[in-house]
Amino acid sequence: MAHERLTHLDEHGSAHMVDVGDKPVTHRVATAEAVVRMKPETLAMIVEGSAPKGDVFAVARIAGIQAAKRTADLIPLCHPLPIMKVSVELEPADAAVRITATCTTDGKTGIEMEALTAAAVAALALYDMCKAVDRGMEITDVRLLEKAGGASGTWTRDGAPKKTHKED
């Protein structure tokens, strides 16, 4: 049970950055997702490439990649990590776009926050690109799907598609 305590709180309950100095460097991979729900007409516009601001998927993908690299600047207690790879995939489906972000590093701490940040910011960029035609879009299901590496090993969300990280 001791490993389940909140590591960003010290024995007095004060927030602090976790000391990872003595942890070994391991290969770490995390995949997160976000879903942007929209009108079917908005999705059609995105897929056709006729959005007024340009290529929605390209902008969202680049925003997600850039966000992953800036995670430690956005989330106060995150360690800056040497990110080796970020991939952001956008998949249209039934009046929604499913965004999947995968990040890899060789480091002393996990890369889950970078994957979550990439997915969330890609969703925000997609919203920004299309808000003029559909302000009712909803960003939902921002969540970790899988993480691998480190002392806690591999964790996969129930019902999430299994991935192999051999190519990462």
Protein backbone atom coordinates (compact mmCIF):
# COMPACT_ATOMS: atom_id res chain seq x y z
CA MET A 1 0.00 0.00 0.00
CA ALA A 2 2.94 2.36 0.58
CA HIS A 3 3.53 2.57 -3.19
CA GLU A 4 -0.01 3.90 -3.63
CA ARG A 5 0.56 7.09 -1.64
CA LEU A 6 0.58 10.46 -3.38
CA THR A 7 4.23 10.89 -4.29
CA HIS A 8 3.98 14.64 -4.86
CA LEU A 9 3.14 15.25 -1.19
CA ASP A 10 5.77 15.09 1.53
CA GLU A 11 5.17 13.71 5.03
CA HIS A 12 3.62 17.07 6.04
CA GLY A 13 1.23 17.19 3.09
CA SER A 14 3.19 19.87 1.23
CA ALA A 15 3.57 19.63 -2.53
CA HIS A 16 7.08 18.89 -3.78
CA MET A 17 8.87 17.60 -6.86
CA VAL A 18 9.70 13.91 -6.46
CA ASP A 19 13.41 13.09 -6.26
CA VAL A 20 14.10 10.61 -9.07
CA GLY A 21 17.89 10.83 -8.76
CA ASP A 22 18.37 7.24 -7.57
CA LYS A 23 15.91 5.66 -10.02
CA PRO A 24 17.31 3.71 -12.96
CA VAL A 25 16.84 4.92 -16.52
CA THR A 26 14.34 2.68 -18.33
CA HIS A 27 12.53 2.80 -21.66
CA ARG A 28 9.07 4.27 -21.06
CA VAL A 29 6.07 4.59 -23.34
CA ALA A 30 2.63 6.07 -22.71
CA THR A 31 -0.46 6.37 -24.89
CA ALA A 32 -3.39 8.69 -24.14
CA GLU A 33 -6.49 9.74 -26.00
CA ALA A 34 -8.98 12.55 -26.31
CA VAL A 35 -12.22 12.67 -28.29
CA VAL A 36 -13.71 15.75 -29.94
CA ARG A 37 -17.43 15.37 -30.63
CA MET A 38 -18.96 17.60 -33.29
CA LYS A 39 -21.72 18.01 -35.84
CA PRO A 40 -21.48 15.56 -38.75
CA GLU A 41 -21.14 18.55 -41.10
CA THR A 42 -18.09 19.75 -39.16
CA LEU A 43 -16.43 16.36 -39.43
CA ALA A 44 -17.19 16.27 -43.17
CA MET A 45 -15.58 19.70 -43.57
CA ILE A 46 -12.45 18.53 -41.74
CA VAL A 47 -12.16 15.32 -43.74
CA GLU A 48 -12.74 17.14 -47.05
CA GLY A 49 -10.05 19.66 -46.15
CA SER A 50 -12.35 22.64 -46.56
CA ALA A 51 -12.04 24.19 -43.08
CA PRO A 52 -11.65 27.99 -43.30
CA LYS A 53 -8.40 27.97 -41.29
CA GLY A 54 -6.73 25.18 -43.29
CA ASP A 55 -5.59 21.62 -42.59
CA VAL A 56 -7.18 20.85 -39.22
CA PHE A 57 -5.45 17.51 -38.70
CA ALA A 58 -1.99 18.88 -39.51
CA VAL A 59 -2.35 21.79 -37.08
CA ALA A 60 -3.77 19.56 -34.31
CA ARG A 61 -0.97 17.02 -34.80
CA ILE A 62 1.77 19.67 -34.58
CA ALA A 63 0.07 21.28 -31.56
CA GLY A 64 0.03 17.93 -29.77
CA ILE A 65 3.69 17.26 -30.52
CA GLN A 66 4.69 20.74 -29.36
CA ALA A 67 2.59 20.39 -26.20
CA ALA A 68 4.27 17.11 -25.25
CA LYS A 69 7.64 18.87 -25.43
CA ARG A 70 6.38 21.67 -23.15
CA THR A 71 4.64 19.55 -20.49
CA ALA A 72 7.12 20.39 -17.72
CA ASP A 73 6.47 24.09 -18.39
CA LEU A 74 2.71 23.59 -18.01
CA ILE A 75 2.42 21.16 -15.10
CA PRO A 76 4.38 22.43 -12.09
CA LEU A 77 5.71 19.19 -10.59
CA CYS A 78 6.53 17.35 -13.84
CA HIS A 79 10.17 16.60 -14.58
CA PRO A 80 11.48 17.73 -17.96
CA LEU A 81 12.09 14.57 -19.98
CA PRO A 82 14.27 13.78 -22.98
CA ILE A 83 11.42 12.87 -25.31
CA MET A 84 12.53 10.50 -28.03
CA LYS A 85 9.31 10.31 -30.02
CA VAL A 86 5.80 11.75 -30.07
CA SER A 87 3.11 10.53 -32.42
CA VAL A 88 -0.34 12.07 -32.63
CA GLU A 89 -2.96 10.24 -34.67
CA LEU A 90 -6.38 11.67 -35.53
CA GLU A 91 -9.13 9.29 -36.57
CA PRO A 92 -12.56 10.48 -37.75
CA ALA A 93 -15.50 8.41 -36.53
CA ASP A 94 -19.26 9.06 -36.20
CA ALA A 95 -19.36 12.84 -35.70
CA ALA A 96 -16.15 12.78 -33.66
CA VAL A 97 -12.39 12.71 -33.98
CA ARG A 98 -10.46 10.32 -31.76
CA ILE A 99 -6.98 11.61 -30.98
CA THR A 100 -4.33 9.16 -29.81
CA ALA A 101 -0.95 10.40 -28.61
CA THR A 102 2.00 8.15 -27.85
CA CYS A 103 5.23 9.40 -26.27
CA THR A 104 8.49 7.58 -25.61
CA THR A 105 11.56 8.34 -23.52
CA ASP A 106 14.47 6.70 -21.83
CA GLY A 107 14.25 8.26 -18.41
CA LYS A 108 13.88 7.99 -14.66
CA THR A 109 10.20 8.88 -14.50
CA GLY A 110 7.07 8.21 -16.53
CA ILE A 111 5.91 9.94 -19.67
CA GLU A 112 2.17 9.68 -19.04
CA MET A 113 1.70 13.42 -18.54
CA GLU A 114 3.34 14.17 -21.89
CA ALA A 115 0.98 11.77 -23.69
CA LEU A 116 -2.06 13.22 -21.90
CA THR A 117 -0.94 16.78 -22.63
CA ALA A 118 -0.36 15.96 -26.30
CA ALA A 119 -3.84 14.45 -26.68
CA ALA A 120 -5.56 17.29 -24.81
CA VAL A 121 -3.79 20.11 -26.66
CA ALA A 122 -4.34 18.44 -30.04
CA ALA A 123 -8.05 18.39 -29.15
CA LEU A 124 -7.93 22.07 -28.16
CA ALA A 125 -6.20 22.96 -31.44
CA LEU A 126 -8.85 21.05 -33.39
CA TYR A 127 -11.54 22.97 -31.51
CA ASP A 128 -9.80 26.26 -32.27
CA MET A 129 -9.55 25.43 -35.96
CA CYS A 130 -13.29 24.69 -36.22
CA LYS A 131 -14.98 26.86 -33.57
CA ALA A 132 -16.19 29.38 -36.16
CA VAL A 133 -18.47 26.73 -37.67
CA ASP A 134 -19.28 24.59 -34.60
CA ARG A 135 -18.99 26.18 -31.15
CA GLY A 136 -20.88 23.23 -29.64
CA MET A 137 -18.00 20.78 -30.08
CA GLU A 138 -17.12 18.83 -26.93
CA ILE A 139 -13.74 17.56 -25.81
CA THR A 140 -14.24 14.33 -23.88
CA ASP A 141 -12.49 11.19 -22.73
CA VAL A 142 -9.05 12.65 -22.07
CA ARG A 143 -7.46 9.61 -20.48
CA LEU A 144 -4.44 7.38 -20.27
CA LEU A 145 -4.80 4.20 -22.31
CA GLU A 146 -1.52 2.48 -21.57
CA LYS A 147 1.89 2.97 -19.99
CA ALA A 148 4.93 0.74 -20.04
CA GLY A 149 8.30 0.88 -18.33
CA GLY A 150 9.61 1.82 -14.94
CA ALA A 151 9.24 -0.04 -11.66
CA SER A 152 5.46 -0.37 -11.99
CA GLY A 153 5.74 -2.10 -15.38
CA THR A 154 2.88 -2.08 -17.87
CA TRP A 155 -0.63 -0.84 -17.21
CA THR A 156 -3.44 -0.95 -19.78
CA ARG A 157 -6.90 0.56 -19.39
CA ASP A 158 -9.63 -2.09 -19.44
CA GLY A 159 -11.10 -2.20 -22.91
CA ALA A 160 -8.25 -0.23 -24.49
CA PRO A 161 -6.68 -1.67 -27.62
CA LYS A 162 -3.45 -3.49 -26.79
CA LYS A 163 -0.34 -1.99 -28.36
CA THR A 164 3.11 -3.34 -28.75
CA HIS A 165 5.86 -0.81 -28.30
CA LYS A 166 8.63 -2.64 -30.14
CA GLU A 167 8.71 0.04 -32.83
CA ASP A 168 8.98 2.90 -30.31
